[in-house]
Protein backbone atom coordinates (compact mmCIF):
# COMPACT_ATOMS: atom_id res chain seq x y z
CA MET A 1 -26.98 8.72 -19.61
CA ARG A 2 -25.47 5.32 -19.16
CA TYR A 3 -24.15 4.87 -15.62
CA ILE A 4 -21.00 3.12 -14.55
CA LYS A 5 -20.84 1.51 -11.12
CA LEU A 6 -17.55 2.28 -9.45
CA THR A 7 -16.52 -0.74 -7.44
CA LEU A 8 -14.31 -0.31 -4.40
CA LEU A 9 -11.83 -2.96 -5.49
CA LEU A 10 -11.27 -1.48 -8.94
CA VAL A 11 -11.46 2.25 -8.33
CA VAL A 12 -10.61 2.78 -4.69
CA LEU A 13 -8.12 0.07 -4.07
CA SER A 14 -6.14 -0.44 -7.27
CA THR A 15 -4.01 -2.94 -5.38
CA LEU A 16 -1.62 -5.19 -7.20
CA TRP A 17 -3.39 -8.46 -6.46
CA SER A 18 -6.90 -7.43 -5.33
CA CYS A 19 -8.62 -9.67 -7.92
CA ALA A 20 -6.37 -12.67 -7.28
CA SER A 21 -7.27 -15.69 -5.19
CA THR A 22 -6.66 -15.47 -1.47
CA VAL A 23 -4.06 -17.79 0.01
CA PRO A 24 -4.40 -18.54 3.74
CA LEU A 25 -1.14 -18.46 5.65
CA ASP A 26 0.89 -21.64 5.22
CA ARG A 27 1.10 -23.48 8.54
CA HIS A 28 4.85 -23.95 8.04
CA PHE A 29 5.52 -20.21 7.97
CA TYR A 30 6.49 -19.97 11.63
CA SER A 31 9.23 -22.54 11.31
CA ARG A 32 12.81 -21.48 12.07
CA LYS A 33 13.43 -19.47 8.93
CA LYS A 34 14.23 -15.80 8.52
CA VAL A 35 11.86 -13.40 6.75
CA ALA A 36 12.40 -9.95 5.25
CA VAL A 37 9.53 -7.52 5.84
CA ILE A 38 8.69 -4.83 3.28
CA ILE A 39 6.01 -2.22 3.97
CA GLU A 40 4.95 0.30 1.33
CA VAL A 41 2.28 2.96 1.85
CA ASP A 42 0.89 4.88 -1.11
CA SER A 43 0.35 8.64 -0.92
CA ILE A 44 -2.92 9.70 0.66
CA ARG A 45 -5.73 9.99 -1.87
CA MET A 46 -9.35 10.83 -2.53
CA SER A 47 -11.20 7.86 -4.02
CA LYS A 48 -14.70 7.38 -5.33
CA ALA A 49 -17.52 4.89 -4.89
CA GLY A 50 -21.10 4.78 -6.16
CA GLY A 51 -22.69 5.23 -9.59
CA GLN A 52 -21.53 7.84 -12.07
CA GLY A 53 -21.62 8.45 -15.80
CA LEU A 54 -18.54 9.53 -17.69
CA LEU A 55 -19.60 13.18 -17.61
CA ASP A 56 -20.29 12.96 -13.87
CA MET A 57 -16.81 11.57 -13.31
CA ALA A 58 -15.24 14.37 -15.34
CA LEU A 59 -17.14 17.03 -13.40
CA THR A 60 -16.26 15.65 -9.96
CA PRO A 61 -12.46 15.32 -9.99
CA GLY A 62 -12.14 15.99 -6.26
CA ASN A 63 -9.53 18.73 -6.55
CA ARG A 64 -10.88 20.50 -3.46
CA PHE A 65 -9.80 17.57 -1.31
CA THR A 66 -6.17 17.59 -2.45
CA GLU A 67 -4.71 20.27 -0.17
CA PRO A 68 -6.50 19.10 3.01
CA LEU A 69 -5.37 15.51 2.41
CA LYS A 70 -1.78 16.57 1.79
CA ALA A 71 -1.90 18.70 4.95
CA ILE A 72 -2.74 15.71 7.17
CA GLU A 73 -0.57 13.12 5.39
CA PRO A 74 2.61 13.74 7.47
CA GLN A 75 0.61 13.21 10.68
CA MET A 76 -0.96 9.87 9.81
CA GLN A 77 2.04 7.55 10.46
CA ILE A 78 0.44 4.64 8.61
CA LYS A 79 3.75 2.90 7.88
CA GLU A 80 4.91 3.22 11.47
CA ARG A 81 1.68 1.67 12.75
CA LEU A 82 1.89 -1.25 10.32
CA LYS A 83 5.55 -1.82 11.17
CA GLU A 84 4.73 -1.84 14.87
CA GLU A 85 2.01 -4.45 14.34
CA MET A 86 4.12 -6.72 12.14
CA THR A 87 6.89 -6.56 14.74
CA LYS A 88 4.45 -7.66 17.44
CA ILE A 89 3.11 -10.53 15.33
CA LEU A 90 6.50 -11.93 14.38
CA THR A 91 8.06 -11.43 17.81
CA SER A 92 5.16 -13.24 19.48
CA LYS A 93 5.84 -16.23 17.20
CA SER A 94 9.63 -16.11 17.72
CA LYS A 95 10.06 -15.59 13.98
CA GLU A 96 13.39 -14.08 12.97
CA PHE A 97 12.92 -11.05 10.72
CA VAL A 98 14.58 -8.01 9.20
CA TYR A 99 13.02 -4.90 7.66
CA VAL A 100 13.86 -3.77 4.12
CA ASP A 101 13.80 0.02 4.22
CA ASP A 102 16.24 1.04 1.51
CA ASN A 103 13.98 2.60 -1.13
CA PHE A 104 12.33 -0.64 -2.18
CA ASP A 105 10.10 -0.26 -5.27
CA TYR A 106 7.74 -3.10 -6.12
CA GLU A 107 7.26 -1.80 -9.66
CA LYS A 108 10.97 -2.19 -10.43
CA LEU A 109 11.01 -5.89 -9.64
CA PRO A 110 11.16 -8.15 -12.71
CA LYS A 111 8.01 -9.97 -13.71
CA PHE A 112 7.81 -13.63 -12.79
CA SER A 113 6.66 -16.30 -15.25
CA SER A 114 4.72 -18.84 -13.22
CA PRO A 115 5.39 -22.50 -14.00
CA LYS A 116 2.53 -24.95 -14.37
CA SER A 117 1.79 -25.92 -10.81
CA GLU A 118 -0.95 -26.22 -8.21
CA LYS A 119 0.85 -23.52 -6.24
CA TYR A 120 0.20 -19.80 -6.49
CA PHE A 121 3.10 -17.49 -7.33
CA SER A 122 3.89 -13.81 -6.95
CA LYS A 123 3.53 -11.78 -10.14
CA LYS A 124 6.88 -10.15 -9.34
CA ASP A 125 10.17 -11.96 -8.82
CA PHE A 126 11.42 -11.47 -5.25
CA ARG A 127 14.10 -14.16 -5.36
CA ALA A 128 17.07 -11.77 -5.50
CA LEU A 129 16.27 -10.73 -1.92
CA LYS A 130 17.26 -14.19 -0.68
CA THR A 131 20.95 -13.48 -1.10
CA ALA A 132 20.75 -9.73 -0.57
CA TYR A 133 19.26 -10.06 2.93
CA ASN A 134 20.11 -13.67 3.79
CA VAL A 135 16.45 -14.60 4.20
CA ASP A 136 14.18 -17.46 3.17
CA GLU A 137 10.90 -15.58 2.81
CA VAL A 138 9.50 -12.10 2.26
CA ILE A 139 6.44 -10.45 3.74
CA TYR A 140 5.25 -7.68 1.43
CA VAL A 141 2.60 -5.35 2.87
CA ARG A 142 1.12 -2.49 0.89
CA ALA A 143 -1.51 0.02 1.98
CA ASN A 144 -3.49 2.84 0.44
CA TYR A 145 -5.71 5.19 2.41
CA GLY A 146 -7.52 8.49 2.50
CA LEU A 147 -10.97 9.91 1.85
CA LEU A 148 -13.68 7.83 0.17
CA VAL A 149 -16.43 9.94 -1.42
CA SER A 150 -19.63 8.20 -2.55
CA TYR A 151 -21.58 9.66 -5.46
CA TYR A 152 -24.91 9.33 -7.17
CA GLY A 153 -24.28 11.08 -10.46
CA MET A 154 -22.67 14.39 -9.48
CA ILE A 155 -24.25 14.39 -6.02
CA GLU A 156 -22.06 13.53 -3.05
CA ILE A 157 -23.97 11.14 -0.81
CA GLY A 158 -21.33 10.27 1.77
CA LYS A 159 -17.74 10.64 2.94
CA GLU A 160 -15.66 8.13 4.87
CA GLY A 161 -12.10 7.59 5.94
CA TYR A 162 -10.72 4.34 4.54
CA ILE A 163 -7.71 2.10 4.38
CA ASN A 164 -6.89 -0.94 2.29
CA ILE A 165 -4.08 -3.25 3.39
CA SER A 166 -2.82 -6.11 1.23
CA SER A 167 -0.17 -8.60 2.23
CA GLN A 168 1.59 -11.57 0.78
CA VAL A 169 4.30 -13.95 1.97
CA ILE A 170 6.68 -15.22 -0.71
CA LYS A 171 8.88 -18.30 -0.38
CA LEU A 172 12.14 -17.26 -2.04
CA GLU A 173 13.13 -20.79 -2.98
CA ASP A 174 10.66 -20.73 -5.89
CA ASN A 175 8.76 -17.39 -5.58
CA SER A 176 5.61 -19.24 -4.51
CA LEU A 177 3.01 -17.70 -2.21
CA MET A 178 2.62 -18.83 1.37
CA HIS A 179 -0.06 -16.20 1.96
CA ARG A 180 -2.05 -13.57 0.05
CA GLU A 181 -4.98 -11.60 1.43
CA SER A 182 -6.25 -8.05 1.73
CA VAL A 183 -8.45 -6.14 4.14
CA MET A 184 -10.54 -3.02 3.54
CA GLU A 185 -12.01 -0.85 6.28
CA LYS A 186 -13.89 2.44 6.18
CA MET A 187 -15.40 4.67 8.83
CA ASP A 188 -18.00 7.43 8.67
CA ILE A 189 -16.69 10.93 9.30
CA LYS A 190 -18.41 12.43 12.33
CA GLY A 191 -19.38 15.99 11.50
CA ASN A 192 -18.08 18.03 8.58
CA TRP A 193 -15.01 16.42 7.02
CA LYS A 194 -13.06 19.69 6.93
CA GLU A 195 -13.91 20.83 10.45
CA GLY A 196 -11.98 20.27 13.63
CA GLU A 197 -8.46 21.39 14.42
CA GLU A 198 -6.23 20.57 11.44
CA PHE A 199 -9.03 18.49 9.85
CA SER A 200 -9.31 16.34 12.97
CA ASN A 201 -12.70 14.89 11.91
CA LEU A 202 -11.12 13.44 8.78
CA LYS A 203 -8.00 12.25 10.60
CA THR A 204 -10.09 10.51 13.25
CA ALA A 205 -12.11 8.60 10.67
CA ILE A 206 -8.96 7.41 8.86
CA ASN A 207 -7.31 6.40 12.11
CA LEU A 208 -10.37 4.43 13.21
CA ALA A 209 -10.38 2.65 9.85
CA LEU A 210 -6.68 1.92 10.36
CA ASP A 211 -7.35 0.48 13.81
CA LYS A 212 -9.90 -1.92 12.34
CA GLY A 213 -7.64 -2.73 9.40
CA ILE A 214 -4.76 -3.64 11.71
CA ARG A 215 -7.01 -5.92 13.76
CA ASP A 216 -8.12 -7.63 10.56
CA LEU A 217 -4.54 -7.93 9.30
CA LYS A 218 -3.52 -9.61 12.53
CA THR A 219 -6.11 -12.36 12.01
CA LYS A 220 -4.58 -13.15 8.60
CA TYR A 221 -1.37 -14.19 10.35
CA TYR A 222 -3.08 -16.77 12.54
CA VAL A 223 -2.25 -20.33 11.49
CA LYS A 224 -5.39 -22.46 11.18
């Protein structure tokens, strides 16, 4: 049977700009301008890595992980942790900011047609937020997380907690990017993934991955 290699970026992460070029943070970002901060966290999920054929993929849908993952989702507080870290970063730089929490949906933003330029631009048009929130820039952070199961064919060869965090900073004057990067962290699950009080082994692995992801995210907001 012909095998298909499942790559983390394409199968696990499915982020909106994972294959795009990275853009280091613009050194002018911490000037005296106001930024709106948007944080979106996808529902917890089981994702796959490794090598599988089409039949193997069909026979390993991961349904048995659904209920345990949904059971721990309310306890994970991923958005709260990311919000806390972004607040620390911006406060330490005396950057004025406001959070956008009113049911923001990235998918509903209009597409943006990039002009011919040496700059990079967001694929979505954020410019309407300039007037709506009286800001000059937007930080958009999106995360997905959960259980990463590695396979060889139909055989499970490993389980890890993981998180992927992507962020971009958009200048609302022209929808250009002042920053675009992503971080991916995963941690081995110590012991059986479904053991421990309320699946504590699984929760611990995800939280450790989150800790590392947050440390990595923080480095992306250093100005070089």
